[in-house]
C-alpha cells in the first residue's frame, strides 16, 4: 500500500523523525530507508540499532502515529497509475488484495480517503500477522482470503522488504520502486521492474491481449 498505491512513505519519514526529535534524536533518510516496509515494532528495532542506544519505544511509536495521522488528514496522494491499475484488474475480473505492514485502522482510513477501500476484496494488515514483512505470512494470508493460490497472485511491491515477503510466499512478484533502490537479489528474482503502475498496466495489457 504505502509507496505502491499511496505516496505516503515521505509522510511516514516526517512522522518518525518528528517523534525522534522529541527525545533529541533524528531519523535520517539513511535510517528511514531501512525501515521502509516494516511494522512499527520492527521499525523501532531498526532505529535502536542505528542510533545505538535504548529508546522509549512506546512513546516514539505513539508520537509517530499522532504526527502521521495529522499528515494523513491533510491528504495522501495516489501513486501514478494506482486508480488505473484497479480499473484494469476489475476489467479482467481479477480480485484485489492488499497486504500492508500498516495497522488496519490506519490502512482502511487512508484507502477510504483515496477512494480505493470499497474496491478491495481482502486485506491483511500489520497488526493481523504474527511476523511482519519480509516474512511471507502476510501474503499467504491475503491469498487465502482471496481464495486464490499464492502462485496465481500478482504481487506488486515498492521495497525489497515487501518484495521478499511476496516472493517467499510464492507470488508472481514485480517491483515498482519508490524510495528504496532494489537489491541485486530482488532484481534477480523479480518477474519485472517497472517505473510506475501505469507502465506495469501497459505491459500486462500487451501480454494478455489476444494474439
N, C-alpha and C. Protein backbone atom coordinates (compact mmCIF):
# COMPACT_ATOMS: atom_id res chain seq x y z
N UNK A 1 0.82 -1.19 0.00
CA UNK A 1 0.00 0.00 0.00
C UNK A 1 0.87 1.26 0.00
N UNK A 2 1.62 1.45 1.09
CA UNK A 2 2.45 2.66 1.20
C UNK A 2 3.63 2.58 0.25
N UNK A 3 3.72 3.55 -0.63
CA UNK A 3 4.80 3.55 -1.61
C UNK A 3 4.46 2.81 -2.89
N UNK A 4 3.35 2.07 -2.87
CA UNK A 4 2.90 1.35 -4.06
C UNK A 4 1.60 1.94 -4.58
N UNK A 5 0.58 1.99 -3.71
CA UNK A 5 -0.69 2.62 -4.06
C UNK A 5 -0.74 4.08 -3.63
N UNK A 6 -0.14 4.36 -2.47
CA UNK A 6 -0.21 5.70 -1.89
C UNK A 6 1.18 6.30 -1.76
N UNK A 7 1.30 7.58 -2.09
CA UNK A 7 2.58 8.28 -1.96
C UNK A 7 2.72 8.76 -0.52
N UNK A 8 2.86 7.78 0.38
CA UNK A 8 2.80 8.06 1.82
C UNK A 8 4.11 7.84 2.56
N UNK A 9 5.10 7.23 1.92
CA UNK A 9 6.35 6.96 2.61
C UNK A 9 7.05 8.24 3.08
N UNK A 10 6.95 9.29 2.30
CA UNK A 10 7.58 10.56 2.68
C UNK A 10 6.91 11.15 3.91
N UNK A 11 5.60 10.95 4.01
CA UNK A 11 4.89 11.39 5.21
C UNK A 11 5.33 10.56 6.43
N UNK A 12 5.51 9.28 6.21
CA UNK A 12 5.96 8.41 7.29
C UNK A 12 7.32 8.83 7.82
N UNK A 13 8.22 9.18 6.91
CA UNK A 13 9.54 9.64 7.32
C UNK A 13 9.43 10.89 8.19
N UNK A 14 8.61 11.84 7.77
CA UNK A 14 8.42 13.07 8.55
C UNK A 14 7.90 12.75 9.95
N UNK A 15 6.97 11.81 10.03
CA UNK A 15 6.37 11.47 11.31
C UNK A 15 7.37 10.80 12.26
N UNK A 16 8.11 9.83 11.74
CA UNK A 16 9.11 9.15 12.58
C UNK A 16 10.19 10.13 13.04
N UNK A 17 10.62 11.00 12.15
CA UNK A 17 11.66 11.96 12.51
C UNK A 17 11.16 12.95 13.56
N UNK A 18 9.92 13.40 13.42
CA UNK A 18 9.36 14.33 14.40
C UNK A 18 9.27 13.67 15.78
N UNK A 19 8.88 12.40 15.80
CA UNK A 19 8.80 11.68 17.07
C UNK A 19 10.19 11.49 17.68
N UNK A 20 11.17 11.19 16.86
CA UNK A 20 12.54 11.00 17.36
C UNK A 20 13.12 12.30 17.90
N UNK A 21 12.78 13.42 17.27
CA UNK A 21 13.31 14.71 17.72
C UNK A 21 12.81 15.08 19.11
N UNK A 22 11.68 14.51 19.52
CA UNK A 22 11.17 14.78 20.86
C UNK A 22 12.13 14.28 21.94
N UNK A 23 12.95 13.28 21.60
CA UNK A 23 13.92 12.75 22.57
C UNK A 23 15.35 13.09 22.15
N UNK A 24 15.49 14.08 21.28
CA UNK A 24 16.82 14.54 20.89
C UNK A 24 17.53 13.71 19.86
N UNK A 25 16.79 12.88 19.12
CA UNK A 25 17.39 12.05 18.07
C UNK A 25 16.81 12.44 16.71
N UNK A 26 17.34 11.86 15.66
CA UNK A 26 16.84 12.09 14.31
C UNK A 26 16.71 10.77 13.57
N UNK A 27 15.69 10.65 12.76
CA UNK A 27 15.58 9.54 11.82
C UNK A 27 16.02 10.09 10.47
N UNK A 28 17.27 9.86 10.16
CA UNK A 28 17.82 10.35 8.91
C UNK A 28 17.23 9.56 7.74
N UNK A 29 17.44 10.06 6.53
CA UNK A 29 16.96 9.34 5.35
C UNK A 29 17.59 7.95 5.30
N UNK A 30 18.87 7.84 5.66
CA UNK A 30 19.55 6.56 5.63
C UNK A 30 18.88 5.56 6.57
N UNK A 31 18.52 6.02 7.78
CA UNK A 31 17.85 5.14 8.73
C UNK A 31 16.46 4.78 8.23
N UNK A 32 15.73 5.78 7.75
CA UNK A 32 14.35 5.53 7.34
C UNK A 32 14.27 4.53 6.19
N UNK A 33 15.19 4.60 5.26
CA UNK A 33 15.14 3.67 4.12
C UNK A 33 15.26 2.22 4.58
N UNK A 34 15.90 1.99 5.72
CA UNK A 34 15.99 0.64 6.27
C UNK A 34 14.69 0.24 6.96
N UNK A 35 13.87 1.23 7.31
CA UNK A 35 12.60 0.97 8.00
C UNK A 35 11.45 0.72 7.03
N UNK A 36 11.60 1.16 5.79
CA UNK A 36 10.51 1.08 4.82
C UNK A 36 10.03 -0.37 4.64
N UNK A 37 8.72 -0.55 4.72
CA UNK A 37 8.13 -1.87 4.52
C UNK A 37 7.92 -2.67 5.78
N UNK A 38 8.44 -2.17 6.92
CA UNK A 38 8.36 -2.90 8.18
C UNK A 38 7.22 -2.41 9.06
N UNK A 39 6.79 -3.26 10.00
CA UNK A 39 5.81 -2.86 11.01
C UNK A 39 6.48 -1.95 12.03
N UNK A 40 5.66 -1.26 12.85
CA UNK A 40 6.18 -0.29 13.81
C UNK A 40 7.20 -0.91 14.76
N UNK A 41 6.90 -2.10 15.29
CA UNK A 41 7.82 -2.73 16.24
C UNK A 41 9.17 -3.02 15.58
N UNK A 42 9.15 -3.45 14.34
CA UNK A 42 10.40 -3.72 13.63
C UNK A 42 11.12 -2.43 13.27
N UNK A 43 10.34 -1.37 12.98
CA UNK A 43 10.96 -0.06 12.74
C UNK A 43 11.73 0.40 13.97
N UNK A 44 11.15 0.20 15.15
CA UNK A 44 11.83 0.60 16.38
C UNK A 44 13.11 -0.21 16.60
N UNK A 45 13.05 -1.49 16.28
CA UNK A 45 14.26 -2.32 16.40
C UNK A 45 15.37 -1.78 15.51
N UNK A 46 15.01 -1.39 14.28
CA UNK A 46 15.99 -0.83 13.35
C UNK A 46 16.51 0.51 13.87
N UNK A 47 15.61 1.36 14.38
CA UNK A 47 16.03 2.67 14.92
C UNK A 47 17.01 2.50 16.06
N UNK A 48 16.71 1.60 16.98
CA UNK A 48 17.59 1.40 18.13
C UNK A 48 18.96 0.92 17.69
N UNK A 49 18.97 0.02 16.73
CA UNK A 49 20.25 -0.48 16.23
C UNK A 49 21.06 0.63 15.58
N UNK A 50 20.39 1.47 14.78
CA UNK A 50 21.09 2.52 14.05
C UNK A 50 21.51 3.66 14.96
N UNK A 51 20.68 4.01 15.92
CA UNK A 51 21.00 5.12 16.83
C UNK A 51 21.97 4.67 17.91
N UNK A 52 21.88 3.40 18.30
CA UNK A 52 22.90 2.84 19.18
C UNK A 52 22.64 3.01 20.65
N UNK A 53 21.40 3.24 21.04
CA UNK A 53 21.09 3.30 22.47
C UNK A 53 19.63 2.91 22.68
N UNK A 54 19.28 2.46 23.91
CA UNK A 54 17.88 2.12 24.17
C UNK A 54 16.98 3.34 23.99
N UNK A 55 15.80 3.12 23.44
CA UNK A 55 14.87 4.21 23.18
C UNK A 55 13.51 3.89 23.80
N UNK A 56 12.73 4.91 24.14
CA UNK A 56 11.38 4.69 24.68
C UNK A 56 10.42 4.30 23.55
N UNK A 57 10.41 3.02 23.27
CA UNK A 57 9.69 2.52 22.10
C UNK A 57 8.24 2.97 22.03
N UNK A 58 7.49 2.73 23.12
CA UNK A 58 6.06 3.03 23.09
C UNK A 58 5.81 4.52 22.89
N UNK A 59 6.64 5.36 23.51
CA UNK A 59 6.48 6.80 23.36
C UNK A 59 6.71 7.23 21.92
N UNK A 60 7.78 6.71 21.31
CA UNK A 60 8.11 7.10 19.94
C UNK A 60 7.03 6.62 18.98
N UNK A 61 6.59 5.37 19.12
CA UNK A 61 5.56 4.84 18.23
C UNK A 61 4.27 5.65 18.36
N UNK A 62 3.87 5.95 19.59
CA UNK A 62 2.64 6.72 19.80
C UNK A 62 2.75 8.11 19.18
N UNK A 63 3.90 8.76 19.38
CA UNK A 63 4.09 10.10 18.83
C UNK A 63 4.12 10.06 17.30
N UNK A 64 4.82 9.08 16.75
CA UNK A 64 4.90 8.96 15.29
C UNK A 64 3.51 8.76 14.70
N UNK A 65 2.68 7.97 15.36
CA UNK A 65 1.32 7.74 14.86
C UNK A 65 0.49 9.02 14.89
N UNK A 66 0.69 9.82 15.94
CA UNK A 66 -0.04 11.09 16.03
C UNK A 66 0.38 12.05 14.91
N UNK A 67 1.68 12.18 14.74
CA UNK A 67 2.17 13.05 13.66
C UNK A 67 1.69 12.55 12.30
N UNK A 68 1.75 11.24 12.11
CA UNK A 68 1.37 10.66 10.82
C UNK A 68 -0.12 10.87 10.55
N UNK A 69 -0.94 10.66 11.58
CA UNK A 69 -2.39 10.84 11.43
C UNK A 69 -2.71 12.27 11.00
N UNK A 70 -2.00 13.23 11.59
CA UNK A 70 -2.23 14.63 11.22
C UNK A 70 -1.86 14.89 9.77
N UNK A 71 -0.76 14.29 9.33
CA UNK A 71 -0.33 14.44 7.93
C UNK A 71 -1.32 13.77 6.98
N UNK A 72 -1.82 12.61 7.38
CA UNK A 72 -2.77 11.88 6.53
C UNK A 72 -4.06 12.66 6.38
N UNK A 73 -4.51 13.30 7.46
CA UNK A 73 -5.76 14.07 7.39
C UNK A 73 -5.67 15.18 6.36
N UNK A 74 -4.45 15.64 6.11
CA UNK A 74 -4.26 16.69 5.10
C UNK A 74 -4.34 16.12 3.68
N UNK A 75 -4.32 14.78 3.58
CA UNK A 75 -4.44 14.14 2.28
C UNK A 75 -3.20 13.39 1.85
N UNK A 76 -3.39 12.19 1.33
CA UNK A 76 -2.29 11.36 0.84
C UNK A 76 -2.48 11.16 -0.66
N UNK A 77 -1.55 11.63 -1.48
CA UNK A 77 -1.71 11.46 -2.93
C UNK A 77 -1.61 10.00 -3.34
N UNK A 78 -2.33 9.65 -4.40
CA UNK A 78 -2.18 8.33 -5.01
C UNK A 78 -0.88 8.28 -5.80
N UNK A 79 -0.28 7.12 -5.86
CA UNK A 79 0.85 6.92 -6.75
C UNK A 79 0.34 6.91 -8.18
N UNK A 80 1.14 7.38 -9.13
CA UNK A 80 0.70 7.39 -10.54
C UNK A 80 0.27 6.00 -11.01
N UNK A 81 -0.94 5.92 -11.52
CA UNK A 81 -1.42 4.65 -12.06
C UNK A 81 -2.19 3.78 -11.09
N UNK A 82 -2.30 4.19 -9.83
CA UNK A 82 -2.98 3.34 -8.85
C UNK A 82 -4.43 3.10 -9.22
N UNK A 83 -5.15 4.16 -9.51
CA UNK A 83 -6.56 4.01 -9.86
C UNK A 83 -6.72 3.24 -11.18
N UNK A 84 -5.84 3.54 -12.12
CA UNK A 84 -5.91 2.86 -13.42
C UNK A 84 -5.61 1.37 -13.28
N UNK A 85 -4.72 1.02 -12.35
CA UNK A 85 -4.41 -0.39 -12.13
C UNK A 85 -5.60 -1.12 -11.53
N UNK A 86 -6.31 -0.47 -10.61
CA UNK A 86 -7.53 -1.05 -10.05
C UNK A 86 -8.57 -1.25 -11.15
N UNK A 87 -8.72 -0.25 -12.01
CA UNK A 87 -9.68 -0.35 -13.12
C UNK A 87 -9.34 -1.53 -14.03
N UNK A 88 -8.05 -1.67 -14.33
CA UNK A 88 -7.60 -2.76 -15.21
C UNK A 88 -7.92 -4.12 -14.60
N UNK A 89 -7.64 -4.25 -13.29
CA UNK A 89 -7.91 -5.52 -12.62
C UNK A 89 -9.40 -5.85 -12.66
N UNK A 90 -10.22 -4.85 -12.44
CA UNK A 90 -11.66 -5.08 -12.45
C UNK A 90 -12.15 -5.44 -13.86
N UNK A 91 -11.59 -4.79 -14.88
CA UNK A 91 -11.97 -5.09 -16.26
C UNK A 91 -11.73 -6.56 -16.58
N UNK A 92 -10.69 -7.12 -16.00
CA UNK A 92 -10.34 -8.52 -16.29
C UNK A 92 -10.98 -9.49 -15.30
N UNK A 93 -11.74 -8.97 -14.36
CA UNK A 93 -12.40 -9.84 -13.39
C UNK A 93 -11.48 -10.36 -12.30
N UNK A 94 -10.35 -9.68 -12.07
CA UNK A 94 -9.42 -10.10 -11.03
C UNK A 94 -9.87 -9.61 -9.66
N UNK A 95 -9.57 -10.39 -8.64
CA UNK A 95 -9.76 -9.95 -7.27
C UNK A 95 -8.58 -9.06 -6.86
N UNK A 96 -8.84 -8.17 -5.93
CA UNK A 96 -7.80 -7.23 -5.48
C UNK A 96 -7.58 -7.41 -3.98
N UNK A 97 -6.34 -7.68 -3.60
CA UNK A 97 -5.97 -7.82 -2.19
C UNK A 97 -4.91 -6.80 -1.81
N UNK A 98 -4.90 -6.44 -0.55
CA UNK A 98 -3.88 -5.53 -0.03
C UNK A 98 -3.17 -6.23 1.12
N UNK A 99 -1.85 -6.28 1.05
CA UNK A 99 -1.01 -6.84 2.11
C UNK A 99 -0.09 -5.73 2.59
N UNK A 100 -0.40 -5.13 3.73
CA UNK A 100 0.32 -3.94 4.17
C UNK A 100 0.81 -4.08 5.61
N UNK A 101 1.98 -3.53 5.87
CA UNK A 101 2.53 -3.54 7.22
C UNK A 101 1.82 -2.54 8.13
N UNK A 102 1.04 -1.66 7.55
CA UNK A 102 0.30 -0.66 8.32
C UNK A 102 -0.84 -1.32 9.11
N UNK A 103 -1.14 -0.76 10.30
CA UNK A 103 -2.27 -1.25 11.09
C UNK A 103 -3.58 -1.08 10.31
N UNK A 104 -4.56 -1.99 10.57
CA UNK A 104 -5.81 -1.96 9.81
C UNK A 104 -6.53 -0.62 9.94
N UNK A 105 -6.59 -0.08 11.13
CA UNK A 105 -7.32 1.18 11.32
C UNK A 105 -6.77 2.26 10.40
N UNK A 106 -5.45 2.39 10.38
CA UNK A 106 -4.82 3.42 9.55
C UNK A 106 -4.92 3.07 8.07
N UNK A 107 -4.71 1.80 7.73
CA UNK A 107 -4.77 1.38 6.33
C UNK A 107 -6.15 1.64 5.74
N UNK A 108 -7.19 1.26 6.48
CA UNK A 108 -8.55 1.46 5.98
C UNK A 108 -8.86 2.94 5.83
N UNK A 109 -8.43 3.74 6.81
CA UNK A 109 -8.68 5.18 6.73
C UNK A 109 -8.03 5.79 5.49
N UNK A 110 -6.79 5.43 5.23
CA UNK A 110 -6.08 6.00 4.08
C UNK A 110 -6.70 5.57 2.76
N UNK A 111 -7.05 4.29 2.66
CA UNK A 111 -7.62 3.79 1.41
C UNK A 111 -9.04 4.31 1.20
N UNK A 112 -9.76 4.53 2.29
CA UNK A 112 -11.09 5.14 2.15
C UNK A 112 -10.98 6.56 1.62
N UNK A 113 -10.04 7.34 2.19
CA UNK A 113 -9.85 8.71 1.72
C UNK A 113 -9.44 8.74 0.25
N UNK A 114 -8.70 7.71 -0.18
CA UNK A 114 -8.23 7.63 -1.57
C UNK A 114 -9.30 7.08 -2.51
N UNK A 115 -10.43 6.62 -1.95
CA UNK A 115 -11.49 6.07 -2.77
C UNK A 115 -11.22 4.66 -3.27
N UNK A 116 -10.32 3.94 -2.59
CA UNK A 116 -9.95 2.60 -3.05
C UNK A 116 -10.46 1.48 -2.14
N UNK A 117 -10.76 1.79 -0.89
CA UNK A 117 -11.08 0.74 0.07
C UNK A 117 -12.27 -0.12 -0.37
N UNK A 118 -13.30 0.51 -0.91
CA UNK A 118 -14.50 -0.22 -1.32
C UNK A 118 -14.24 -1.18 -2.47
N UNK A 119 -13.10 -1.02 -3.11
CA UNK A 119 -12.76 -1.85 -4.27
C UNK A 119 -11.80 -2.99 -3.90
N UNK A 120 -11.45 -3.07 -2.62
CA UNK A 120 -10.53 -4.11 -2.15
C UNK A 120 -11.34 -5.32 -1.69
N UNK A 121 -11.01 -6.50 -2.22
CA UNK A 121 -11.74 -7.72 -1.87
C UNK A 121 -11.26 -8.31 -0.55
N UNK A 122 -10.00 -8.15 -0.23
CA UNK A 122 -9.45 -8.69 1.03
C UNK A 122 -8.20 -7.90 1.39
N UNK A 123 -7.95 -7.79 2.69
CA UNK A 123 -6.76 -7.09 3.16
C UNK A 123 -6.21 -7.80 4.39
N UNK A 124 -4.90 -7.84 4.49
CA UNK A 124 -4.23 -8.30 5.69
C UNK A 124 -3.28 -7.20 6.11
N UNK A 125 -3.35 -6.81 7.37
CA UNK A 125 -2.59 -5.64 7.84
C UNK A 125 -1.54 -6.04 8.88
N UNK A 126 -0.66 -5.11 9.18
CA UNK A 126 0.49 -5.42 10.03
C UNK A 126 0.14 -5.89 11.43
N UNK A 127 -1.01 -5.45 11.95
CA UNK A 127 -1.41 -5.87 13.29
C UNK A 127 -2.22 -7.16 13.27
N UNK A 128 -2.27 -7.82 12.12
CA UNK A 128 -3.04 -9.06 11.99
C UNK A 128 -2.18 -10.27 11.69
N UNK A 129 -0.88 -10.11 11.71
CA UNK A 129 0.04 -11.23 11.49
C UNK A 129 1.01 -11.33 12.65
N UNK A 130 1.53 -12.53 12.87
CA UNK A 130 2.46 -12.73 13.99
C UNK A 130 3.86 -12.26 13.65
N UNK A 131 4.22 -12.33 12.36
CA UNK A 131 5.54 -11.91 11.90
C UNK A 131 5.35 -11.00 10.69
N UNK A 132 5.99 -9.84 10.71
CA UNK A 132 5.84 -8.89 9.61
C UNK A 132 6.75 -9.19 8.43
N UNK A 133 6.58 -8.40 7.38
CA UNK A 133 7.47 -8.49 6.23
C UNK A 133 8.91 -8.31 6.70
N UNK A 134 9.88 -9.04 6.13
CA UNK A 134 9.86 -9.82 4.90
C UNK A 134 9.33 -11.26 5.02
N UNK A 135 8.81 -11.64 6.18
CA UNK A 135 8.22 -12.97 6.30
C UNK A 135 7.03 -13.08 5.34
N UNK A 136 6.78 -14.25 4.76
CA UNK A 136 5.71 -14.40 3.77
C UNK A 136 4.30 -14.51 4.35
N UNK A 137 4.16 -14.53 5.67
CA UNK A 137 2.84 -14.79 6.28
C UNK A 137 1.76 -13.85 5.75
N UNK A 138 2.07 -12.57 5.62
CA UNK A 138 1.04 -11.59 5.26
C UNK A 138 0.52 -11.83 3.84
N UNK A 139 1.37 -12.26 2.93
CA UNK A 139 0.92 -12.54 1.56
C UNK A 139 0.18 -13.87 1.49
N UNK A 140 0.63 -14.85 2.23
CA UNK A 140 -0.09 -16.12 2.24
C UNK A 140 -1.49 -15.94 2.82
N UNK A 141 -1.60 -15.13 3.87
CA UNK A 141 -2.91 -14.88 4.48
C UNK A 141 -3.83 -14.15 3.52
N UNK A 142 -3.30 -13.18 2.79
CA UNK A 142 -4.12 -12.43 1.84
C UNK A 142 -4.59 -13.31 0.69
N UNK A 143 -3.71 -14.15 0.17
CA UNK A 143 -4.09 -15.07 -0.91
C UNK A 143 -5.18 -16.02 -0.44
N UNK A 144 -5.06 -16.50 0.79
CA UNK A 144 -6.08 -17.40 1.34
C UNK A 144 -7.43 -16.70 1.45
N UNK A 145 -7.42 -15.44 1.90
CA UNK A 145 -8.67 -14.68 2.00
C UNK A 145 -9.30 -14.47 0.63
N UNK A 146 -8.46 -14.29 -0.38
CA UNK A 146 -8.96 -14.10 -1.74
C UNK A 146 -9.46 -15.40 -2.35
N UNK A 147 -9.04 -16.53 -1.77
CA UNK A 147 -9.41 -17.83 -2.33
C UNK A 147 -8.63 -18.15 -3.59
N UNK A 148 -7.42 -17.63 -3.66
CA UNK A 148 -6.57 -17.81 -4.85
C UNK A 148 -5.21 -18.35 -4.40
N UNK A 149 -4.69 -19.40 -5.02
CA UNK A 149 -3.35 -19.88 -4.66
C UNK A 149 -2.32 -18.75 -4.82
N UNK A 150 -1.37 -18.68 -3.91
CA UNK A 150 -0.38 -17.60 -3.96
C UNK A 150 0.34 -17.55 -5.30
N UNK A 151 0.58 -18.71 -5.90
CA UNK A 151 1.31 -18.73 -7.17
C UNK A 151 0.48 -18.16 -8.32
N UNK A 152 -0.82 -17.98 -8.10
CA UNK A 152 -1.67 -17.35 -9.11
C UNK A 152 -1.92 -15.87 -8.82
N UNK A 153 -1.23 -15.34 -7.83
CA UNK A 153 -1.38 -13.93 -7.46
C UNK A 153 -0.22 -13.12 -8.03
N UNK A 154 -0.54 -11.95 -8.57
CA UNK A 154 0.47 -10.99 -8.98
C UNK A 154 0.66 -10.01 -7.83
N UNK A 155 1.84 -10.00 -7.24
CA UNK A 155 2.15 -9.10 -6.13
C UNK A 155 2.98 -7.93 -6.64
N UNK A 156 2.58 -6.73 -6.25
CA UNK A 156 3.29 -5.51 -6.68
C UNK A 156 3.87 -4.85 -5.44
N UNK A 157 5.17 -4.69 -5.41
CA UNK A 157 5.84 -4.12 -4.23
C UNK A 157 6.80 -3.00 -4.65
N UNK A 158 7.04 -2.09 -3.69
CA UNK A 158 7.95 -0.98 -3.97
C UNK A 158 9.29 -1.16 -3.26
N UNK A 159 9.35 -1.98 -2.22
CA UNK A 159 10.58 -2.10 -1.43
C UNK A 159 11.11 -3.53 -1.44
N UNK A 160 12.41 -3.71 -1.21
CA UNK A 160 12.97 -5.06 -1.13
C UNK A 160 12.36 -5.88 0.00
N UNK A 161 12.01 -5.22 1.12
CA UNK A 161 11.40 -5.93 2.25
C UNK A 161 10.07 -6.53 1.84
N UNK A 162 9.22 -5.73 1.24
CA UNK A 162 7.93 -6.23 0.79
C UNK A 162 8.05 -7.25 -0.32
N UNK A 163 8.99 -7.00 -1.23
CA UNK A 163 9.20 -7.94 -2.34
C UNK A 163 9.58 -9.30 -1.81
N UNK A 164 10.49 -9.36 -0.84
CA UNK A 164 10.93 -10.64 -0.31
C UNK A 164 9.76 -11.39 0.32
N UNK A 165 8.85 -10.67 0.98
CA UNK A 165 7.66 -11.28 1.57
C UNK A 165 6.80 -11.92 0.49
N UNK A 166 6.52 -11.18 -0.58
CA UNK A 166 5.66 -11.68 -1.65
C UNK A 166 6.31 -12.84 -2.39
N UNK A 167 7.58 -12.70 -2.71
CA UNK A 167 8.29 -13.73 -3.47
C UNK A 167 8.38 -15.03 -2.66
N UNK A 168 8.67 -14.89 -1.35
CA UNK A 168 8.78 -16.08 -0.50
C UNK A 168 7.45 -16.77 -0.32
N UNK A 169 6.35 -16.02 -0.47
CA UNK A 169 5.02 -16.62 -0.39
C UNK A 169 4.67 -17.39 -1.64
N UNK A 170 5.44 -17.20 -2.71
CA UNK A 170 5.20 -17.90 -3.96
C UNK A 170 4.45 -17.10 -5.00
N UNK A 171 4.21 -15.81 -4.71
CA UNK A 171 3.50 -14.96 -5.67
C UNK A 171 4.39 -14.62 -6.86
N UNK A 172 3.76 -14.37 -8.00
CA UNK A 172 4.48 -13.76 -9.13
C UNK A 172 4.71 -12.31 -8.71
N UNK A 173 5.96 -11.93 -8.48
CA UNK A 173 6.26 -10.68 -7.79
C UNK A 173 7.00 -9.70 -8.69
N UNK A 174 6.49 -8.48 -8.75
CA UNK A 174 7.13 -7.43 -9.54
C UNK A 174 7.44 -6.24 -8.64
N UNK A 175 8.36 -5.42 -9.10
CA UNK A 175 8.79 -4.24 -8.36
C UNK A 175 8.41 -2.97 -9.11
N UNK A 176 7.85 -2.02 -8.36
CA UNK A 176 7.68 -0.65 -8.83
C UNK A 176 8.35 0.22 -7.77
N UNK A 177 9.68 0.40 -7.85
CA UNK A 177 10.42 1.04 -6.77
C UNK A 177 9.97 2.47 -6.51
N UNK A 178 10.03 2.85 -5.21
CA UNK A 178 9.72 4.22 -4.81
C UNK A 178 10.98 4.83 -4.20
N UNK A 179 11.12 4.82 -2.88
CA UNK A 179 12.28 5.45 -2.24
C UNK A 179 13.50 4.54 -2.18
N UNK A 180 13.28 3.25 -2.04
CA UNK A 180 14.37 2.31 -1.79
C UNK A 180 14.83 1.66 -3.09
N UNK A 181 16.13 1.69 -3.33
CA UNK A 181 16.71 1.05 -4.50
C UNK A 181 16.62 -0.47 -4.37
N UNK A 182 16.14 -1.17 -5.39
CA UNK A 182 16.04 -2.64 -5.30
C UNK A 182 17.41 -3.27 -5.06
N UNK A 183 17.43 -4.33 -4.28
CA UNK A 183 18.66 -5.06 -4.04
C UNK A 183 18.96 -5.94 -5.25
N UNK A 184 20.22 -6.36 -5.41
CA UNK A 184 20.54 -7.29 -6.51
C UNK A 184 19.70 -8.56 -6.46
N UNK A 185 19.39 -9.04 -5.24
CA UNK A 185 18.60 -10.26 -5.10
C UNK A 185 17.17 -10.03 -5.59
N UNK A 186 16.60 -8.87 -5.26
CA UNK A 186 15.24 -8.57 -5.71
C UNK A 186 15.20 -8.43 -7.23
N UNK A 187 16.20 -7.78 -7.79
CA UNK A 187 16.25 -7.63 -9.24
C UNK A 187 16.39 -8.99 -9.93
N UNK A 188 17.11 -9.88 -9.30
CA UNK A 188 17.30 -11.22 -9.86
C UNK A 188 15.98 -12.01 -9.85
N UNK A 189 15.23 -11.88 -8.78
CA UNK A 189 14.04 -12.71 -8.59
C UNK A 189 12.75 -12.09 -9.14
N UNK A 190 12.76 -10.80 -9.41
CA UNK A 190 11.54 -10.12 -9.84
C UNK A 190 11.09 -10.59 -11.21
N UNK A 191 9.77 -10.73 -11.37
CA UNK A 191 9.21 -11.05 -12.68
C UNK A 191 9.25 -9.84 -13.60
N UNK A 192 9.51 -8.68 -13.03
CA UNK A 192 9.64 -7.45 -13.81
C UNK A 192 9.88 -6.28 -12.88
N UNK A 193 10.50 -5.24 -13.41
CA UNK A 193 10.73 -3.99 -12.67
C UNK A 193 10.19 -2.86 -13.54
N UNK A 194 9.31 -2.04 -12.97
CA UNK A 194 8.61 -1.02 -13.74
C UNK A 194 8.73 0.35 -13.09
N UNK A 195 8.79 1.41 -13.89
CA UNK A 195 8.93 2.75 -13.33
C UNK A 195 7.65 3.27 -12.68
N UNK A 196 6.50 2.66 -13.01
CA UNK A 196 5.24 3.11 -12.44
C UNK A 196 4.19 2.02 -12.62
N UNK A 197 3.07 2.18 -11.92
CA UNK A 197 1.96 1.26 -12.10
C UNK A 197 1.37 1.37 -13.49
N UNK A 198 1.44 2.55 -14.07
CA UNK A 198 0.97 2.72 -15.44
C UNK A 198 1.78 1.86 -16.41
N UNK A 199 3.09 1.83 -16.20
CA UNK A 199 3.94 1.01 -17.06
C UNK A 199 3.65 -0.47 -16.88
N UNK A 200 3.39 -0.87 -15.64
CA UNK A 200 3.02 -2.27 -15.37
C UNK A 200 1.71 -2.60 -16.05
N UNK A 201 0.72 -1.71 -15.94
CA UNK A 201 -0.57 -1.96 -16.58
C UNK A 201 -0.41 -2.14 -18.09
N UNK A 202 0.39 -1.30 -18.71
CA UNK A 202 0.56 -1.40 -20.15
C UNK A 202 1.25 -2.70 -20.55
N UNK A 203 2.21 -3.15 -19.73
CA UNK A 203 2.88 -4.42 -20.00
C UNK A 203 1.90 -5.58 -19.88
N UNK A 204 1.07 -5.56 -18.86
CA UNK A 204 0.08 -6.61 -18.68
C UNK A 204 -0.93 -6.60 -19.82
N UNK A 205 -1.37 -5.42 -20.19
CA UNK A 205 -2.34 -5.31 -21.30
C UNK A 205 -1.75 -5.89 -22.59
N UNK A 206 -0.47 -5.59 -22.83
CA UNK A 206 0.20 -6.08 -24.03
C UNK A 206 0.32 -7.60 -24.01
N UNK A 207 0.72 -8.16 -22.86
CA UNK A 207 0.96 -9.60 -22.79
C UNK A 207 -0.34 -10.41 -22.75
N UNK A 208 -1.42 -9.78 -22.25
CA UNK A 208 -2.67 -10.52 -22.09
C UNK A 208 -3.65 -10.30 -23.22
N UNK A 209 -3.27 -9.44 -24.16
CA UNK A 209 -4.15 -9.19 -25.30
C UNK A 209 -4.15 -10.41 -26.23
N UNK A 210 -5.31 -10.70 -26.85
CA UNK A 210 -5.36 -11.82 -27.79
C UNK A 210 -4.37 -11.64 -28.93
N UNK A 211 -3.75 -12.70 -29.36
CA UNK A 211 -2.76 -12.63 -30.44
C UNK A 211 -3.44 -12.22 -31.74
